[in-house]
């Protein structure tokens, strides 16, 4: 079982990569740097916490474990 800080570290490292994807798509759609930056940051803040709790919930599920 992973420790809580490992789950949090995984969530943060994934969000760093994903924020660039969200920013890029938002910039293409809106053409506005400020709007794309805002969307990227808000999206990342929300999703890092959702991912953390999702990861912790899956630690309690035995499905697929040996």
PDB file of N, CA and C in Angstrom:
ATOM      1  N   UNK A   1       0.848  -1.179   0.000  1.00  0.00           N
ATOM      2  CA  UNK A   1       0.000   0.000   0.000  1.00  0.00           C
ATOM      3  C   UNK A   1       0.891   1.239   0.000  1.00  0.00           C
ATOM      4  N   UNK A   2       0.532   2.212  -0.852  1.00  0.00           N
ATOM      5  CA  UNK A   2       1.286   3.463  -0.915  1.00  0.00           C
ATOM      6  C   UNK A   2       0.991   4.325   0.307  1.00  0.00           C
ATOM      7  N   UNK A   3       1.984   5.073   0.718  1.00  0.00           N
ATOM      8  CA  UNK A   3       1.780   6.040   1.785  1.00  0.00           C
ATOM      9  C   UNK A   3       1.054   7.252   1.209  1.00  0.00           C
ATOM     10  N   UNK A   4       0.446   8.037   2.091  1.00  0.00           N
ATOM     11  CA  UNK A   4      -0.326   9.201   1.640  1.00  0.00           C
ATOM     12  C   UNK A   4       0.543  10.184   0.869  1.00  0.00           C
ATOM     13  N   UNK A   5       1.776  10.431   1.311  1.00  0.00           N
ATOM     14  CA  UNK A   5       2.621  11.406   0.624  1.00  0.00           C
ATOM     15  C   UNK A   5       3.009  10.926  -0.778  1.00  0.00           C
ATOM     16  N   UNK A   6       3.064   9.609  -0.986  1.00  0.00           N
ATOM     17  CA  UNK A   6       3.337   9.102  -2.335  1.00  0.00           C
ATOM     18  C   UNK A   6       2.157   9.391  -3.249  1.00  0.00           C
ATOM     19  N   UNK A   7       0.946   9.162  -2.771  1.00  0.00           N
ATOM     20  CA  UNK A   7      -0.242   9.467  -3.568  1.00  0.00           C
ATOM     21  C   UNK A   7      -0.299  10.953  -3.908  1.00  0.00           C
ATOM     22  N   UNK A   8       0.008  11.793  -2.942  1.00  0.00           N
ATOM     23  CA  UNK A   8      -0.002  13.234  -3.178  1.00  0.00           C
ATOM     24  C   UNK A   8       1.090  13.626  -4.176  1.00  0.00           C
ATOM     25  N   UNK A   9       2.267  13.040  -4.068  1.00  0.00           N
ATOM     26  CA  UNK A   9       3.357  13.331  -5.007  1.00  0.00           C
ATOM     27  C   UNK A   9       2.999  12.921  -6.425  1.00  0.00           C
ATOM     28  N   UNK A  10       2.362  11.765  -6.579  1.00  0.00           N
ATOM     29  CA  UNK A  10       1.926  11.312  -7.893  1.00  0.00           C
ATOM     30  C   UNK A  10       0.888  12.260  -8.469  1.00  0.00           C
ATOM     31  N   UNK A  11      -0.034  12.715  -7.642  1.00  0.00           N
ATOM     32  CA  UNK A  11      -1.070  13.635  -8.099  1.00  0.00           C
ATOM     33  C   UNK A  11      -0.453  14.949  -8.576  1.00  0.00           C
ATOM     34  N   UNK A  12       0.500  15.459  -7.835  1.00  0.00           N
ATOM     35  CA  UNK A  12       1.134  16.735  -8.194  1.00  0.00           C
ATOM     36  C   UNK A  12       1.956  16.596  -9.481  1.00  0.00           C
ATOM     37  N   UNK A  13       2.729  15.530  -9.600  1.00  0.00           N
ATOM     38  CA  UNK A  13       3.549  15.364 -10.803  1.00  0.00           C
ATOM     39  C   UNK A  13       2.680  15.210 -12.049  1.00  0.00           C
ATOM     40  N   UNK A  14       1.566  14.502 -11.935  1.00  0.00           N
ATOM     41  CA  UNK A  14       0.661  14.366 -13.071  1.00  0.00           C
ATOM     42  C   UNK A  14       0.039  15.712 -13.423  1.00  0.00           C
ATOM     43  N   UNK A  15      -0.356  16.489 -12.415  1.00  0.00           N
ATOM     44  CA  UNK A  15      -0.994  17.777 -12.692  1.00  0.00           C
ATOM     45  C   UNK A  15      -0.032  18.752 -13.360  1.00  0.00           C
ATOM     46  N   UNK A  16       1.250  18.685 -13.051  1.00  0.00           N
ATOM     47  CA  UNK A  16       2.213  19.560 -13.710  1.00  0.00           C
ATOM     48  C   UNK A  16       2.214  19.291 -15.219  1.00  0.00           C
ATOM     49  N   UNK A  17       2.196  18.025 -15.590  1.00  0.00           N
ATOM     50  CA  UNK A  17       2.134  17.688 -17.018  1.00  0.00           C
ATOM     51  C   UNK A  17       0.783  18.071 -17.613  1.00  0.00           C
ATOM     52  N   UNK A  18      -0.281  17.766 -16.901  1.00  0.00           N
ATOM     53  CA  UNK A  18      -1.626  17.995 -17.432  1.00  0.00           C
ATOM     54  C   UNK A  18      -1.985  19.471 -17.537  1.00  0.00           C
ATOM     55  N   UNK A  19      -1.424  20.315 -16.666  1.00  0.00           N
ATOM     56  CA  UNK A  19      -1.744  21.744 -16.731  1.00  0.00           C
ATOM     57  C   UNK A  19      -1.287  22.339 -18.057  1.00  0.00           C
ATOM     58  N   UNK A  20      -0.175  21.863 -18.576  1.00  0.00           N
ATOM     59  CA  UNK A  20       0.295  22.358 -19.858  1.00  0.00           C
ATOM     60  C   UNK A  20      -0.652  21.964 -20.990  1.00  0.00           C
ATOM     61  N   UNK A  21      -1.198  20.770 -20.914  1.00  0.00           N
ATOM     62  CA  UNK A  21      -2.173  20.325 -21.919  1.00  0.00           C
ATOM     63  C   UNK A  21      -3.430  21.179 -21.842  1.00  0.00           C
ATOM     64  N   UNK A  22      -3.957  21.372 -20.639  1.00  0.00           N
ATOM     65  CA  UNK A  22      -5.168  22.183 -20.451  1.00  0.00           C
ATOM     66  C   UNK A  22      -4.933  23.615 -20.898  1.00  0.00           C
ATOM     67  N   UNK A  23      -3.786  24.180 -20.515  1.00  0.00           N
ATOM     68  CA  UNK A  23      -3.450  25.542 -20.923  1.00  0.00           C
ATOM     69  C   UNK A  23      -3.404  25.656 -22.441  1.00  0.00           C
ATOM     70  N   UNK A  24      -2.725  24.732 -23.086  1.00  0.00           N
ATOM     71  CA  UNK A  24      -2.563  24.767 -24.533  1.00  0.00           C
ATOM     72  C   UNK A  24      -3.911  24.697 -25.250  1.00  0.00           C
ATOM     73  N   UNK A  25      -4.753  23.760 -24.834  1.00  0.00           N
ATOM     74  CA  UNK A  25      -6.078  23.624 -25.441  1.00  0.00           C
ATOM     75  C   UNK A  25      -6.918  24.877 -25.183  1.00  0.00           C
ATOM     76  N   UNK A  26      -6.872  25.392 -23.958  1.00  0.00           N
ATOM     77  CA  UNK A  26      -7.629  26.600 -23.625  1.00  0.00           C
ATOM     78  C   UNK A  26      -7.165  27.790 -24.449  1.00  0.00           C
ATOM     79  N   UNK A  27      -5.870  27.887 -24.668  1.00  0.00           N
ATOM     80  CA  UNK A  27      -5.337  28.992 -25.463  1.00  0.00           C
ATOM     81  C   UNK A  27      -5.769  28.880 -26.923  1.00  0.00           C
ATOM     82  N   UNK A  28      -5.751  27.672 -27.458  1.00  0.00           N
ATOM     83  CA  UNK A  28      -6.201  27.468 -28.838  1.00  0.00           C
ATOM     84  C   UNK A  28      -7.673  27.847 -28.982  1.00  0.00           C
ATOM     85  N   UNK A  29      -8.496  27.445 -28.018  1.00  0.00           N
ATOM     86  CA  UNK A  29      -9.935  27.700 -28.086  1.00  0.00           C
ATOM     87  C   UNK A  29     -10.258  29.188 -27.890  1.00  0.00           C
ATOM     88  N   UNK A  30      -9.625  29.816 -26.895  1.00  0.00           N
ATOM     89  CA  UNK A  30      -9.968  31.202 -26.565  1.00  0.00           C
ATOM     90  C   UNK A  30      -9.079  32.232 -27.244  1.00  0.00           C
ATOM     91  N   UNK A  31      -7.822  31.873 -27.496  1.00  0.00           N
ATOM     92  CA  UNK A  31      -6.875  32.820 -28.057  1.00  0.00           C
ATOM     93  C   UNK A  31      -6.420  33.878 -27.057  1.00  0.00           C
ATOM     94  N   UNK A  32      -6.754  33.666 -25.780  1.00  0.00           N
ATOM     95  CA  UNK A  32      -6.424  34.645 -24.741  1.00  0.00           C
ATOM     96  C   UNK A  32      -5.535  34.010 -23.682  1.00  0.00           C
ATOM     97  N   UNK A  33      -4.382  34.628 -23.479  1.00  0.00           N
ATOM     98  CA  UNK A  33      -3.400  34.103 -22.538  1.00  0.00           C
ATOM     99  C   UNK A  33      -3.916  34.096 -21.098  1.00  0.00           C
ATOM    100  N   UNK A  34      -4.539  35.171 -20.671  1.00  0.00           N
ATOM    101  CA  UNK A  34      -5.038  35.274 -19.288  1.00  0.00           C
ATOM    102  C   UNK A  34      -6.134  34.233 -19.034  1.00  0.00           C
ATOM    103  N   UNK A  35      -7.046  34.083 -19.956  1.00  0.00           N
ATOM    104  CA  UNK A  35      -8.140  33.110 -19.795  1.00  0.00           C
ATOM    105  C   UNK A  35      -7.568  31.691 -19.768  1.00  0.00           C
ATOM    106  N   UNK A  36      -6.657  31.395 -20.674  1.00  0.00           N
ATOM    107  CA  UNK A  36      -6.060  30.056 -20.727  1.00  0.00           C
ATOM    108  C   UNK A  36      -5.287  29.747 -19.449  1.00  0.00           C
ATOM    109  N   UNK A  37      -4.572  30.736 -18.937  1.00  0.00           N
ATOM    110  CA  UNK A  37      -3.824  30.545 -17.689  1.00  0.00           C
ATOM    111  C   UNK A  37      -4.779  30.301 -16.523  1.00  0.00           C
ATOM    112  N   UNK A  38      -5.839  31.078 -16.437  1.00  0.00           N
ATOM    113  CA  UNK A  38      -6.831  30.907 -15.368  1.00  0.00           C
ATOM    114  C   UNK A  38      -7.469  29.526 -15.419  1.00  0.00           C
ATOM    115  N   UNK A  39      -7.865  29.110 -16.603  1.00  0.00           N
ATOM    116  CA  UNK A  39      -8.477  27.785 -16.759  1.00  0.00           C
ATOM    117  C   UNK A  39      -7.492  26.695 -16.346  1.00  0.00           C
ATOM    118  N   UNK A  40      -6.257  26.808 -16.801  1.00  0.00           N
ATOM    119  CA  UNK A  40      -5.241  25.806 -16.462  1.00  0.00           C
ATOM    120  C   UNK A  40      -4.991  25.701 -14.972  1.00  0.00           C
ATOM    121  N   UNK A  41      -4.893  26.844 -14.293  1.00  0.00           N
ATOM    122  CA  UNK A  41      -4.624  26.830 -12.852  1.00  0.00           C
ATOM    123  C   UNK A  41      -5.812  26.318 -12.038  1.00  0.00           C
ATOM    124  N   UNK A  42      -6.996  26.803 -12.343  1.00  0.00           N
ATOM    125  CA  UNK A  42      -8.193  26.351 -11.609  1.00  0.00           C
ATOM    126  C   UNK A  42      -8.416  24.857 -11.823  1.00  0.00           C
ATOM    127  N   UNK A  43      -8.295  24.421 -13.065  1.00  0.00           N
ATOM    128  CA  UNK A  43      -8.461  23.006 -13.387  1.00  0.00           C
ATOM    129  C   UNK A  43      -7.477  22.149 -12.588  1.00  0.00           C
ATOM    130  N   UNK A  44      -6.244  22.587 -12.521  1.00  0.00           N
ATOM    131  CA  UNK A  44      -5.228  21.817 -11.805  1.00  0.00           C
ATOM    132  C   UNK A  44      -5.463  21.768 -10.309  1.00  0.00           C
ATOM    133  N   UNK A  45      -5.831  22.884  -9.736  1.00  0.00           N
ATOM    134  CA  UNK A  45      -6.090  22.906  -8.294  1.00  0.00           C
ATOM    135  C   UNK A  45      -7.214  21.958  -7.910  1.00  0.00           C
ATOM    136  N   UNK A  46      -8.270  21.960  -8.693  1.00  0.00           N
ATOM    137  CA  UNK A  46      -9.403  21.073  -8.401  1.00  0.00           C
ATOM    138  C   UNK A  46      -9.002  19.616  -8.604  1.00  0.00           C
ATOM    139  N   UNK A  47      -8.385  19.339  -9.734  1.00  0.00           N
ATOM    140  CA  UNK A  47      -8.106  17.947 -10.078  1.00  0.00           C
ATOM    141  C   UNK A  47      -7.018  17.299  -9.236  1.00  0.00           C
ATOM    142  N   UNK A  48      -6.076  18.057  -8.704  1.00  0.00           N
ATOM    143  CA  UNK A  48      -5.058  17.436  -7.861  1.00  0.00           C
ATOM    144  C   UNK A  48      -5.696  16.860  -6.594  1.00  0.00           C
ATOM    145  N   UNK A  49      -6.676  17.553  -6.057  1.00  0.00           N
ATOM    146  CA  UNK A  49      -7.352  17.043  -4.861  1.00  0.00           C
ATOM    147  C   UNK A  49      -8.300  15.892  -5.193  1.00  0.00           C
ATOM    148  N   UNK A  50      -8.984  15.970  -6.326  1.00  0.00           N
ATOM    149  CA  UNK A  50      -9.859  14.877  -6.744  1.00  0.00           C
ATOM    150  C   UNK A  50      -9.035  13.618  -6.988  1.00  0.00           C
ATOM    151  N   UNK A  51      -7.893  13.764  -7.654  1.00  0.00           N
ATOM    152  CA  UNK A  51      -7.035  12.612  -7.913  1.00  0.00           C
ATOM    153  C   UNK A  51      -6.520  11.992  -6.617  1.00  0.00           C
ATOM    154  N   UNK A  52      -6.113  12.823  -5.689  1.00  0.00           N
ATOM    155  CA  UNK A  52      -5.606  12.328  -4.409  1.00  0.00           C
ATOM    156  C   UNK A  52      -6.650  11.454  -3.710  1.00  0.00           C
ATOM    157  N   UNK A  53      -7.885  11.947  -3.615  1.00  0.00           N
ATOM    158  CA  UNK A  53      -8.932  11.170  -2.946  1.00  0.00           C
ATOM    159  C   UNK A  53      -9.324   9.945  -3.757  1.00  0.00           C
ATOM    160  N   UNK A  54      -9.282  10.038  -5.067  1.00  0.00           N
ATOM    161  CA  UNK A  54      -9.552   8.886  -5.927  1.00  0.00           C
ATOM    162  C   UNK A  54      -8.498   7.800  -5.688  1.00  0.00           C
ATOM    163  N   UNK A  55      -7.244   8.214  -5.641  1.00  0.00           N
ATOM    164  CA  UNK A  55      -6.143   7.278  -5.385  1.00  0.00           C
ATOM    165  C   UNK A  55      -6.289   6.610  -4.019  1.00  0.00           C
ATOM    166  N   UNK A  56      -6.624   7.367  -3.000  1.00  0.00           N
ATOM    167  CA  UNK A  56      -6.785   6.822  -1.653  1.00  0.00           C
ATOM    168  C   UNK A  56      -7.973   5.853  -1.601  1.00  0.00           C
ATOM    169  N   UNK A  57      -9.039   6.170  -2.304  1.00  0.00           N
ATOM    170  CA  UNK A  57     -10.212   5.273  -2.335  1.00  0.00           C
ATOM    171  C   UNK A  57      -9.835   3.935  -2.978  1.00  0.00           C
ATOM    172  N   UNK A  58      -9.059   3.971  -4.064  1.00  0.00           N
ATOM    173  CA  UNK A  58      -8.659   2.740  -4.726  1.00  0.00           C
ATOM    174  C   UNK A  58      -7.731   1.891  -3.864  1.00  0.00           C
ATOM    175  N   UNK A  59      -7.048   2.481  -2.920  1.00  0.00           N
ATOM    176  CA  UNK A  59      -6.222   1.696  -2.000  1.00  0.00           C
ATOM    177  C   UNK A  59      -7.078   0.761  -1.150  1.00  0.00           C
ATOM    178  N   UNK A  60      -8.336   1.083  -0.979  1.00  0.00           N
ATOM    179  CA  UNK A  60      -9.243   0.266  -0.152  1.00  0.00           C
ATOM    180  C   UNK A  60      -9.936  -0.841  -0.956  1.00  0.00           C
ATOM    181  N   UNK A  61      -9.797  -0.798  -2.267  1.00  0.00           N
ATOM    182  CA  UNK A  61     -10.459  -1.775  -3.140  1.00  0.00           C
ATOM    183  C   UNK A  61      -9.470  -2.883  -3.478  1.00  0.00           C
ATOM    184  N   UNK A  62      -9.871  -4.121  -3.268  1.00  0.00           N
ATOM    185  CA  UNK A  62      -8.987  -5.260  -3.493  1.00  0.00           C
ATOM    186  C   UNK A  62      -9.006  -5.739  -4.945  1.00  0.00           C
ATOM    187  N   UNK A  63      -9.892  -5.219  -5.753  1.00  0.00           N
ATOM    188  CA  UNK A  63     -10.045  -5.615  -7.162  1.00  0.00           C
ATOM    189  C   UNK A  63      -8.701  -5.561  -7.896  1.00  0.00           C
ATOM    190  N   UNK A  64      -8.325  -6.705  -8.508  1.00  0.00           N
ATOM    191  CA  UNK A  64      -7.119  -6.762  -9.325  1.00  0.00           C
ATOM    192  C   UNK A  64      -5.809  -6.937  -8.571  1.00  0.00           C
ATOM    193  N   UNK A  65      -5.872  -7.091  -7.272  1.00  0.00           N
ATOM    194  CA  UNK A  65      -4.665  -7.303  -6.475  1.00  0.00           C
ATOM    195  C   UNK A  65      -4.422  -8.795  -6.287  1.00  0.00           C
ATOM    196  N   UNK A  66      -3.178  -9.130  -6.070  1.00  0.00           N
ATOM    197  CA  UNK A  66      -2.825 -10.540  -5.818  1.00  0.00           C
ATOM    198  C   UNK A  66      -2.810 -10.788  -4.329  1.00  0.00           C
TER     199      UNK A  66
END
